[in-house]
N, C-alpha and C. Protein backbone atom coordinates (compact mmCIF):
# COMPACT_ATOMS: atom_id res chain seq x y z
N MET A 1 -18.15 -34.99 35.93
CA MET A 1 -17.60 -35.92 34.75
C MET A 1 -16.18 -36.03 35.25
N THR A 2 -15.63 -37.31 35.06
CA THR A 2 -14.36 -37.68 35.34
C THR A 2 -13.44 -37.15 34.26
N MET A 3 -12.11 -36.92 34.62
CA MET A 3 -11.08 -36.61 33.61
C MET A 3 -11.04 -37.61 32.44
N ILE A 4 -11.06 -38.81 32.89
CA ILE A 4 -10.89 -39.97 31.78
C ILE A 4 -12.19 -39.82 30.80
N ARG A 5 -13.35 -39.53 31.27
CA ARG A 5 -14.45 -39.33 30.41
C ARG A 5 -14.34 -38.11 29.49
N ILE A 6 -13.84 -37.05 30.03
CA ILE A 6 -13.65 -35.90 29.28
C ILE A 6 -12.62 -36.11 28.12
N VAL A 7 -11.58 -36.77 28.45
CA VAL A 7 -10.47 -36.97 27.48
C VAL A 7 -11.08 -37.96 26.44
N ARG A 8 -11.85 -38.94 26.71
CA ARG A 8 -12.56 -39.89 25.84
C ARG A 8 -13.38 -39.05 24.83
N ILE A 9 -14.22 -38.14 25.45
CA ILE A 9 -15.16 -37.35 24.55
C ILE A 9 -14.38 -36.46 23.61
N ARG A 10 -13.27 -35.90 24.12
CA ARG A 10 -12.47 -35.11 23.27
C ARG A 10 -11.80 -35.81 22.13
N VAL A 11 -11.28 -37.09 22.51
CA VAL A 11 -10.65 -37.93 21.57
C VAL A 11 -11.64 -38.32 20.48
N PHE A 12 -12.84 -38.73 20.85
CA PHE A 12 -13.88 -39.05 19.96
C PHE A 12 -14.30 -37.85 19.10
N ALA A 13 -14.43 -36.71 19.68
CA ALA A 13 -14.73 -35.59 18.87
C ALA A 13 -13.76 -35.22 17.85
N MET A 14 -12.44 -35.44 18.24
CA MET A 14 -11.26 -35.12 17.25
C MET A 14 -11.27 -36.19 16.12
N LEU A 15 -11.53 -37.41 16.52
CA LEU A 15 -11.65 -38.47 15.64
C LEU A 15 -12.76 -38.19 14.57
N ALA A 16 -13.94 -37.80 15.10
CA ALA A 16 -15.00 -37.47 14.19
C ALA A 16 -14.76 -36.35 13.24
N VAL A 17 -14.10 -35.39 13.73
CA VAL A 17 -13.63 -34.13 12.90
C VAL A 17 -12.70 -34.70 11.83
N VAL A 18 -11.71 -35.51 12.18
CA VAL A 18 -10.79 -35.98 11.20
C VAL A 18 -11.42 -36.79 10.19
N LEU A 19 -12.37 -37.78 10.62
CA LEU A 19 -13.00 -38.61 9.70
C LEU A 19 -13.87 -37.80 8.70
N PHE A 20 -14.57 -36.76 9.22
CA PHE A 20 -15.48 -35.85 8.44
C PHE A 20 -14.63 -35.18 7.39
N ALA A 21 -13.45 -34.74 7.74
CA ALA A 21 -12.47 -33.98 6.90
C ALA A 21 -12.04 -34.83 5.89
N VAL A 22 -11.63 -36.09 6.20
CA VAL A 22 -11.19 -36.95 5.17
C VAL A 22 -12.33 -37.26 4.14
N ALA A 23 -13.51 -37.56 4.62
CA ALA A 23 -14.70 -37.78 3.71
C ALA A 23 -14.88 -36.59 2.89
N ALA A 24 -14.83 -35.33 3.36
CA ALA A 24 -15.18 -34.17 2.72
C ALA A 24 -14.02 -34.02 1.54
N ARG A 25 -12.80 -34.29 1.91
CA ARG A 25 -11.70 -34.23 0.81
C ARG A 25 -11.93 -35.20 -0.30
N ALA A 26 -12.44 -36.49 0.07
CA ALA A 26 -12.71 -37.36 -0.96
C ALA A 26 -13.78 -36.78 -1.90
N GLU A 27 -14.80 -36.16 -1.33
CA GLU A 27 -15.88 -35.54 -2.25
C GLU A 27 -15.37 -34.41 -3.01
N ASP A 28 -14.33 -33.75 -2.51
CA ASP A 28 -13.76 -32.55 -3.26
C ASP A 28 -12.92 -32.94 -4.42
N LYS A 29 -12.59 -34.26 -4.61
CA LYS A 29 -11.75 -34.68 -5.71
C LYS A 29 -12.53 -34.47 -6.99
N SER A 30 -11.69 -34.12 -8.01
CA SER A 30 -12.31 -33.92 -9.34
C SER A 30 -12.67 -35.24 -9.94
N LEU A 31 -13.65 -35.22 -10.92
CA LEU A 31 -13.96 -36.46 -11.64
C LEU A 31 -12.60 -37.02 -12.20
N TYR A 32 -11.73 -36.23 -12.72
CA TYR A 32 -10.49 -36.74 -13.25
C TYR A 32 -9.74 -37.51 -12.23
N GLN A 33 -9.66 -37.08 -10.96
CA GLN A 33 -8.95 -37.73 -9.90
C GLN A 33 -9.75 -39.05 -9.41
N ARG A 34 -11.14 -39.02 -9.42
CA ARG A 34 -11.84 -40.16 -9.12
C ARG A 34 -11.91 -41.25 -10.15
N LEU A 35 -11.61 -40.89 -11.41
CA LEU A 35 -11.52 -41.86 -12.47
C LEU A 35 -10.10 -42.59 -12.40
N GLY A 36 -9.10 -42.01 -11.72
CA GLY A 36 -7.83 -42.60 -11.57
C GLY A 36 -6.71 -41.72 -12.39
N GLY A 37 -7.03 -40.61 -12.91
CA GLY A 37 -6.10 -39.66 -13.58
C GLY A 37 -5.83 -40.05 -14.98
N TYR A 38 -4.74 -39.62 -15.46
CA TYR A 38 -4.32 -39.75 -16.95
C TYR A 38 -4.20 -41.14 -17.43
N ASP A 39 -3.50 -41.89 -16.68
CA ASP A 39 -3.32 -43.39 -17.10
C ASP A 39 -4.65 -44.07 -17.24
N ALA A 40 -5.53 -43.91 -16.32
CA ALA A 40 -6.81 -44.65 -16.32
C ALA A 40 -7.66 -44.13 -17.56
N ILE A 41 -7.68 -42.81 -17.77
CA ILE A 41 -8.40 -42.26 -18.89
C ILE A 41 -7.91 -42.72 -20.17
N THR A 42 -6.53 -42.94 -20.30
CA THR A 42 -5.93 -43.34 -21.46
C THR A 42 -6.29 -44.84 -21.74
N ALA A 43 -6.30 -45.64 -20.69
CA ALA A 43 -6.52 -47.02 -20.80
C ALA A 43 -8.10 -47.12 -21.30
N VAL A 44 -8.92 -46.44 -20.73
CA VAL A 44 -10.39 -46.49 -21.22
C VAL A 44 -10.44 -46.02 -22.52
N SER A 45 -9.80 -44.97 -22.91
CA SER A 45 -9.96 -44.41 -24.23
C SER A 45 -9.28 -45.49 -25.23
N ASP A 46 -8.23 -46.11 -25.00
CA ASP A 46 -7.69 -47.00 -25.88
C ASP A 46 -8.65 -48.14 -26.14
N GLU A 47 -9.24 -48.73 -25.07
CA GLU A 47 -10.18 -49.83 -25.14
C GLU A 47 -11.28 -49.34 -26.03
N PHE A 48 -11.88 -48.12 -25.70
CA PHE A 48 -13.06 -47.68 -26.47
C PHE A 48 -12.79 -47.53 -27.92
N ILE A 49 -11.72 -46.92 -28.27
CA ILE A 49 -11.32 -46.80 -29.64
C ILE A 49 -11.11 -48.18 -30.41
N ALA A 50 -10.54 -49.05 -29.70
CA ALA A 50 -10.24 -50.36 -30.11
C ALA A 50 -11.68 -51.08 -30.53
N ARG A 51 -12.53 -51.00 -29.59
CA ARG A 51 -13.83 -51.53 -29.64
C ARG A 51 -14.62 -50.91 -30.80
N LEU A 52 -14.59 -49.61 -30.97
CA LEU A 52 -15.29 -48.96 -31.95
C LEU A 52 -14.70 -49.32 -33.33
N ALA A 53 -13.34 -49.33 -33.42
CA ALA A 53 -12.74 -49.67 -34.78
C ALA A 53 -12.91 -51.04 -35.21
N THR A 54 -13.29 -51.91 -34.37
CA THR A 54 -13.60 -53.44 -34.76
C THR A 54 -15.15 -53.67 -34.76
N ASP A 55 -15.88 -52.74 -34.29
CA ASP A 55 -17.37 -53.05 -34.22
C ASP A 55 -17.94 -53.00 -35.60
N ASP A 56 -18.75 -53.89 -36.06
CA ASP A 56 -19.37 -53.80 -37.40
C ASP A 56 -20.18 -52.65 -37.72
N GLN A 57 -20.86 -52.03 -36.72
CA GLN A 57 -21.64 -50.81 -36.96
C GLN A 57 -20.67 -49.60 -37.00
N GLU A 58 -19.69 -49.54 -36.29
CA GLU A 58 -18.90 -48.30 -36.05
C GLU A 58 -17.61 -48.19 -36.69
N LYS A 59 -17.03 -49.36 -37.26
CA LYS A 59 -15.69 -49.46 -37.79
C LYS A 59 -15.68 -48.60 -39.03
N ARG A 60 -16.76 -48.31 -39.76
CA ARG A 60 -16.71 -47.46 -41.03
C ARG A 60 -16.12 -46.03 -40.64
N PHE A 61 -16.20 -45.55 -39.44
CA PHE A 61 -15.70 -44.26 -39.12
C PHE A 61 -14.27 -44.21 -38.99
N PHE A 62 -13.54 -45.39 -38.99
CA PHE A 62 -12.08 -45.40 -38.81
C PHE A 62 -11.30 -45.84 -40.11
N ILE A 63 -12.10 -46.07 -41.15
CA ILE A 63 -11.58 -46.56 -42.37
C ILE A 63 -10.73 -45.40 -43.14
N GLY A 64 -9.58 -45.49 -43.53
CA GLY A 64 -8.83 -44.51 -44.49
C GLY A 64 -7.94 -43.63 -43.65
N PHE A 65 -7.91 -43.83 -42.32
CA PHE A 65 -6.90 -43.04 -41.49
C PHE A 65 -5.58 -43.70 -41.41
N SER A 66 -4.52 -42.85 -41.58
CA SER A 66 -3.20 -43.37 -41.41
C SER A 66 -3.03 -43.71 -39.94
N ASN A 67 -1.89 -44.36 -39.63
CA ASN A 67 -1.61 -44.66 -38.22
C ASN A 67 -1.33 -43.40 -37.49
N ASP A 68 -0.72 -42.42 -38.12
CA ASP A 68 -0.42 -41.20 -37.46
C ASP A 68 -1.77 -40.38 -37.22
N SER A 69 -2.69 -40.45 -38.13
CA SER A 69 -3.97 -39.88 -37.90
C SER A 69 -4.84 -40.54 -36.76
N LYS A 70 -4.68 -41.81 -36.75
CA LYS A 70 -5.38 -42.56 -35.65
C LYS A 70 -4.78 -42.22 -34.26
N ALA A 71 -3.48 -42.03 -34.19
CA ALA A 71 -2.76 -41.65 -32.87
C ALA A 71 -3.21 -40.27 -32.54
N ARG A 72 -3.35 -39.41 -33.53
CA ARG A 72 -3.79 -38.04 -33.20
C ARG A 72 -5.26 -37.96 -32.69
N ILE A 73 -6.15 -38.78 -33.33
CA ILE A 73 -7.52 -38.85 -32.88
C ILE A 73 -7.54 -39.40 -31.53
N ARG A 74 -6.70 -40.40 -31.09
CA ARG A 74 -6.67 -40.99 -29.82
C ARG A 74 -6.28 -39.89 -28.79
N GLN A 75 -5.09 -39.21 -29.14
CA GLN A 75 -4.70 -38.25 -28.17
C GLN A 75 -5.71 -37.01 -27.98
N HIS A 76 -6.45 -36.76 -29.01
CA HIS A 76 -7.36 -35.72 -28.93
C HIS A 76 -8.60 -36.17 -28.03
N LEU A 77 -8.98 -37.54 -28.12
CA LEU A 77 -9.94 -38.04 -27.11
C LEU A 77 -9.47 -38.02 -25.80
N VAL A 78 -8.17 -38.50 -25.48
CA VAL A 78 -7.66 -38.51 -24.12
C VAL A 78 -7.55 -37.11 -23.64
N ASP A 79 -7.16 -36.22 -24.30
CA ASP A 79 -7.06 -34.74 -23.91
C ASP A 79 -8.40 -34.12 -23.61
N LEU A 80 -9.39 -34.48 -24.42
CA LEU A 80 -10.80 -34.00 -24.22
C LEU A 80 -11.37 -34.48 -22.97
N VAL A 81 -11.22 -35.82 -22.74
CA VAL A 81 -11.76 -36.33 -21.54
C VAL A 81 -10.93 -35.93 -20.26
N CYS A 82 -9.76 -35.83 -20.33
CA CYS A 82 -8.89 -35.34 -19.31
C CYS A 82 -9.32 -33.92 -18.94
N LYS A 83 -9.47 -33.00 -19.87
CA LYS A 83 -9.78 -31.60 -19.64
C LYS A 83 -11.14 -31.53 -19.10
N SER A 84 -12.18 -32.27 -19.67
CA SER A 84 -13.55 -32.20 -19.39
C SER A 84 -13.89 -32.68 -18.01
N THR A 85 -12.96 -33.50 -17.43
CA THR A 85 -13.21 -34.09 -16.14
C THR A 85 -12.39 -33.38 -14.99
N GLY A 86 -11.69 -32.27 -15.41
CA GLY A 86 -11.01 -31.35 -14.37
C GLY A 86 -9.57 -31.81 -14.34
N GLY A 87 -9.06 -32.45 -15.39
CA GLY A 87 -7.66 -32.74 -15.30
C GLY A 87 -6.91 -31.67 -15.92
N PRO A 88 -5.47 -31.77 -15.94
CA PRO A 88 -4.56 -30.81 -16.34
C PRO A 88 -4.36 -30.64 -17.88
N CYS A 89 -5.06 -31.51 -18.58
CA CYS A 89 -4.75 -31.52 -20.03
C CYS A 89 -5.33 -30.31 -20.76
N VAL A 90 -4.75 -30.10 -21.96
CA VAL A 90 -5.32 -28.97 -22.70
C VAL A 90 -5.83 -29.70 -24.07
N TYR A 91 -7.00 -29.44 -24.62
CA TYR A 91 -7.62 -29.94 -25.74
C TYR A 91 -7.32 -29.04 -26.88
N THR A 92 -6.74 -29.42 -27.86
CA THR A 92 -6.30 -28.55 -28.96
C THR A 92 -7.04 -28.96 -30.30
N GLY A 93 -7.96 -29.91 -30.15
CA GLY A 93 -8.71 -30.27 -31.38
C GLY A 93 -9.83 -29.40 -31.75
N ARG A 94 -10.47 -29.63 -32.73
CA ARG A 94 -11.48 -28.81 -33.26
C ARG A 94 -12.77 -29.13 -32.38
N ASP A 95 -13.82 -28.21 -32.62
CA ASP A 95 -15.03 -28.44 -31.97
C ASP A 95 -15.74 -29.74 -32.49
N MET A 96 -16.67 -30.29 -31.78
CA MET A 96 -17.32 -31.50 -32.26
C MET A 96 -18.08 -31.40 -33.45
N LYS A 97 -18.73 -30.38 -33.62
CA LYS A 97 -19.49 -30.13 -34.89
C LYS A 97 -18.61 -30.18 -36.16
N THR A 98 -17.44 -29.54 -36.11
CA THR A 98 -16.53 -29.44 -37.24
C THR A 98 -15.96 -30.72 -37.40
N THR A 99 -15.49 -31.36 -36.45
CA THR A 99 -14.74 -32.53 -36.33
C THR A 99 -15.58 -33.76 -37.06
N HIS A 100 -16.93 -33.73 -36.72
CA HIS A 100 -17.83 -34.86 -37.15
C HIS A 100 -18.77 -34.56 -38.45
N ALA A 101 -18.52 -33.22 -38.92
CA ALA A 101 -19.29 -32.85 -39.99
C ALA A 101 -19.02 -33.74 -41.25
N GLY A 102 -20.04 -34.15 -41.86
CA GLY A 102 -19.89 -35.05 -42.99
C GLY A 102 -19.68 -36.48 -42.70
N ALA A 103 -19.47 -36.94 -41.59
CA ALA A 103 -19.26 -38.22 -41.25
C ALA A 103 -20.47 -39.16 -41.28
N GLY A 104 -21.59 -38.59 -41.20
CA GLY A 104 -22.83 -39.29 -41.34
C GLY A 104 -23.26 -40.14 -40.05
N VAL A 105 -22.90 -39.56 -39.00
CA VAL A 105 -23.15 -40.28 -37.67
C VAL A 105 -24.65 -40.14 -37.34
N THR A 106 -25.32 -41.29 -37.24
CA THR A 106 -26.80 -41.27 -37.06
C THR A 106 -27.02 -41.48 -35.50
N LYS A 107 -28.27 -41.25 -35.16
CA LYS A 107 -28.69 -41.44 -33.77
C LYS A 107 -28.44 -42.80 -33.35
N ALA A 108 -28.64 -43.82 -34.15
CA ALA A 108 -28.34 -45.20 -33.89
C ALA A 108 -26.85 -45.52 -33.66
N ASP A 109 -25.99 -44.89 -34.56
CA ASP A 109 -24.57 -44.89 -34.25
C ASP A 109 -24.28 -44.33 -32.91
N TRP A 110 -24.73 -43.20 -32.65
CA TRP A 110 -24.43 -42.53 -31.32
C TRP A 110 -24.85 -43.47 -30.09
N ASP A 111 -26.10 -43.95 -30.14
CA ASP A 111 -26.60 -44.74 -29.09
C ASP A 111 -25.71 -46.03 -28.95
N HIS A 112 -25.36 -46.64 -30.10
CA HIS A 112 -24.51 -47.80 -30.08
C HIS A 112 -23.13 -47.55 -29.47
N SER A 113 -22.57 -46.36 -29.84
CA SER A 113 -21.25 -45.98 -29.22
C SER A 113 -21.30 -45.84 -27.74
N LEU A 114 -22.40 -45.27 -27.36
CA LEU A 114 -22.55 -45.00 -25.93
C LEU A 114 -22.72 -46.40 -25.19
N LYS A 115 -23.37 -47.35 -25.82
CA LYS A 115 -23.54 -48.66 -25.22
C LYS A 115 -22.20 -49.24 -25.16
N ILE A 116 -21.25 -49.17 -26.14
CA ILE A 116 -19.95 -49.77 -26.09
C ILE A 116 -19.13 -49.03 -25.01
N PHE A 117 -19.30 -47.65 -24.88
CA PHE A 117 -18.58 -46.93 -23.87
C PHE A 117 -18.94 -47.32 -22.43
N GLY A 118 -20.24 -47.59 -22.30
CA GLY A 118 -20.65 -48.15 -20.97
C GLY A 118 -20.11 -49.57 -20.71
N GLU A 119 -20.01 -50.31 -21.67
CA GLU A 119 -19.37 -51.68 -21.54
C GLU A 119 -17.91 -51.50 -21.13
N VAL A 120 -17.26 -50.68 -21.75
CA VAL A 120 -15.81 -50.32 -21.51
C VAL A 120 -15.65 -49.82 -20.03
N LEU A 121 -16.45 -48.92 -19.68
CA LEU A 121 -16.40 -48.38 -18.27
C LEU A 121 -16.66 -49.58 -17.31
N ASN A 122 -17.63 -50.38 -17.53
CA ASN A 122 -17.92 -51.55 -16.65
C ASN A 122 -16.66 -52.53 -16.54
N LYS A 123 -16.00 -52.71 -17.82
CA LYS A 123 -14.87 -53.61 -17.80
C LYS A 123 -13.73 -53.06 -16.88
N PHE A 124 -13.64 -51.67 -16.86
CA PHE A 124 -12.60 -51.10 -16.00
C PHE A 124 -13.16 -50.80 -14.60
N LYS A 125 -14.38 -51.30 -14.36
CA LYS A 125 -14.99 -51.10 -12.93
C LYS A 125 -15.13 -49.66 -12.54
N VAL A 126 -15.50 -48.81 -13.46
CA VAL A 126 -15.71 -47.40 -13.11
C VAL A 126 -16.99 -47.33 -12.31
N PRO A 127 -17.12 -46.76 -11.10
CA PRO A 127 -18.17 -46.73 -10.27
C PRO A 127 -19.36 -45.95 -10.99
N GLU A 128 -20.65 -46.26 -10.56
CA GLU A 128 -21.87 -45.78 -11.14
C GLU A 128 -21.90 -44.26 -11.02
N LYS A 129 -21.48 -43.69 -10.02
CA LYS A 129 -21.61 -42.21 -9.88
C LYS A 129 -20.66 -41.53 -10.85
N GLU A 130 -19.49 -42.03 -11.11
CA GLU A 130 -18.60 -41.51 -12.07
C GLU A 130 -19.06 -41.78 -13.58
N GLN A 131 -19.69 -42.96 -13.80
CA GLN A 131 -20.35 -43.10 -15.14
C GLN A 131 -21.41 -42.14 -15.43
N GLN A 132 -22.22 -41.87 -14.42
CA GLN A 132 -23.24 -40.96 -14.58
C GLN A 132 -22.66 -39.47 -14.80
N GLU A 133 -21.70 -39.13 -14.19
CA GLU A 133 -21.00 -37.90 -14.42
C GLU A 133 -20.40 -37.73 -15.80
N LEU A 134 -19.83 -38.88 -16.30
CA LEU A 134 -19.31 -38.93 -17.63
C LEU A 134 -20.46 -38.77 -18.62
N ALA A 135 -21.57 -39.43 -18.46
CA ALA A 135 -22.73 -39.38 -19.32
C ALA A 135 -23.36 -37.93 -19.37
N ALA A 136 -23.26 -37.24 -18.22
CA ALA A 136 -23.68 -35.88 -18.20
C ALA A 136 -22.74 -34.99 -19.06
N LEU A 137 -21.48 -35.33 -19.16
CA LEU A 137 -20.57 -34.61 -20.03
C LEU A 137 -20.87 -34.90 -21.58
N LEU A 138 -21.12 -36.17 -21.79
CA LEU A 138 -21.33 -36.62 -23.21
C LEU A 138 -22.58 -36.11 -23.78
N THR A 139 -23.78 -36.15 -23.02
CA THR A 139 -24.99 -35.87 -23.65
C THR A 139 -25.16 -34.69 -24.36
N PRO A 140 -24.56 -33.52 -23.95
CA PRO A 140 -24.69 -32.30 -24.83
C PRO A 140 -23.95 -32.34 -26.15
N LEU A 141 -22.95 -33.37 -26.17
CA LEU A 141 -22.24 -33.47 -27.49
C LEU A 141 -22.98 -34.11 -28.63
N GLU A 142 -24.08 -34.77 -28.28
CA GLU A 142 -24.96 -35.46 -29.35
C GLU A 142 -25.41 -34.51 -30.44
N LYS A 143 -25.79 -33.29 -30.04
CA LYS A 143 -26.35 -32.37 -31.01
C LYS A 143 -25.30 -31.95 -32.03
N ASP A 144 -23.96 -32.02 -31.61
CA ASP A 144 -22.98 -31.66 -32.47
C ASP A 144 -22.45 -32.70 -33.37
N ILE A 145 -22.60 -33.98 -32.96
CA ILE A 145 -22.03 -35.12 -33.59
C ILE A 145 -22.96 -35.84 -34.47
N VAL A 146 -24.22 -35.89 -33.98
CA VAL A 146 -25.21 -36.72 -34.89
C VAL A 146 -25.81 -35.80 -35.95
N GLU A 147 -25.68 -36.33 -37.12
CA GLU A 147 -26.28 -35.54 -38.25
C GLU A 147 -27.62 -35.94 -38.81
N LYS A 148 -27.91 -37.10 -38.58
CA LYS A 148 -29.18 -37.68 -39.08
C LYS A 148 -30.03 -38.33 -38.06
């Protein structure tokens, strides 16, 4: 084997190792990072809340809240998603069962809100893999939020 060929093989091997390492690091990123971090989660949360608050089926859940209460709900949502996806946030809100007790959220309301959430994720071009991971985080919450 000539020296040039050996050098080429070594360069190719090193390049392959580097590319593999970069690909592995991309896979090691948390869902929080892959979603785009805090600002992206905030943008999606703001759009989701705005859509729920103006939707004919869902808006009844937002009636009677002061602007301050609405801002607190928004921050709790952002913090919960941030924390749940591996971000640095701390969720200080109550558990979902306590928070939604007495609200009368039905299975139809739950399903409709998930449909809206999916539309918002699509609007922000969230990739399918990340959408599926978010869905896996949301699914267990249904039992604590849906009352009827």
